């Protein structure tokens, strides 16, 4: 009886070993492209003292 159980297990294992999935990793044929639409906006705020502001107004020929 033990022989039939062992033979059945061996046969089952042989049948299941033929069903091993194959995994393959391959590089793509075309290059990968990434399209990005990006909008960048900047705001610069300058805060100056009243003395500097009056100096800039009186010396407007500097800029």
Protein backbone atom coordinates (compact mmCIF):
# COMPACT_ATOMS: atom_id res chain seq x y z
CA UNK A 1 0.00 0.00 0.00
CA UNK A 2 2.84 2.37 0.87
CA UNK A 3 4.38 1.60 -2.51
CA UNK A 4 1.26 2.77 -4.36
CA UNK A 5 1.14 6.02 -2.35
CA UNK A 6 4.83 6.69 -3.05
CA UNK A 7 4.37 5.85 -6.74
CA UNK A 8 1.31 8.10 -6.93
CA UNK A 9 3.20 10.99 -5.31
CA UNK A 10 6.17 10.49 -7.62
CA UNK A 11 3.91 10.44 -10.68
CA UNK A 12 2.08 13.56 -9.50
CA UNK A 13 5.33 15.40 -8.92
CA UNK A 14 6.59 14.46 -12.38
CA UNK A 15 3.40 15.72 -13.99
CA UNK A 16 3.47 18.99 -12.06
CA UNK A 17 7.13 19.61 -12.81
CA UNK A 18 6.27 19.97 -16.51
CA UNK A 19 4.05 23.00 -15.69
CA UNK A 20 6.79 25.35 -14.52
CA UNK A 21 6.03 28.86 -15.81
CA UNK A 22 8.78 30.62 -17.75
CA UNK A 23 9.50 34.26 -17.01
CA UNK A 24 11.47 36.25 -19.57
CA UNK A 25 12.75 39.80 -19.21
CA UNK A 26 13.51 41.60 -22.48
CA UNK A 27 14.39 45.17 -23.37
CA UNK A 28 11.74 47.12 -25.32
CA UNK A 29 12.27 47.49 -29.07
CA UNK A 30 11.40 51.21 -29.04
CA UNK A 31 12.88 53.76 -26.64
CA UNK A 32 10.76 54.96 -23.75
CA UNK A 33 9.50 58.51 -24.26
CA UNK A 34 8.08 60.71 -21.52
CA UNK A 35 6.03 63.72 -22.58
CA UNK A 36 5.79 66.42 -19.94
CA UNK A 37 3.97 69.70 -20.28
CA UNK A 38 5.36 71.92 -17.55
CA UNK A 39 4.55 75.55 -16.93
CA UNK A 40 6.85 77.39 -14.54
CA UNK A 41 6.02 80.84 -13.27
CA UNK A 42 8.13 82.94 -10.92
CA UNK A 43 7.29 86.03 -8.95
CA UNK A 44 9.98 88.03 -7.23
CA UNK A 45 8.99 90.53 -4.57
CA UNK A 46 11.62 92.93 -3.31
CA UNK A 47 11.03 94.84 -0.12
CA UNK A 48 13.32 97.85 0.43
CA UNK A 49 13.64 100.47 3.13
CA UNK A 50 12.30 103.98 2.57
CA UNK A 51 15.84 105.36 2.51
CA UNK A 52 16.91 103.03 -0.28
CA UNK A 53 13.70 103.71 -2.19
CA UNK A 54 14.22 107.49 -2.02
CA UNK A 55 17.85 107.02 -3.11
CA UNK A 56 16.76 105.00 -6.11
CA UNK A 57 14.18 107.63 -7.05
CA UNK A 58 16.71 110.46 -6.79
CA UNK A 59 19.36 108.50 -8.73
CA UNK A 60 17.12 107.13 -11.46
CA UNK A 61 20.00 107.40 -13.95
CA UNK A 62 21.59 104.32 -12.35
CA UNK A 63 19.10 102.03 -14.00
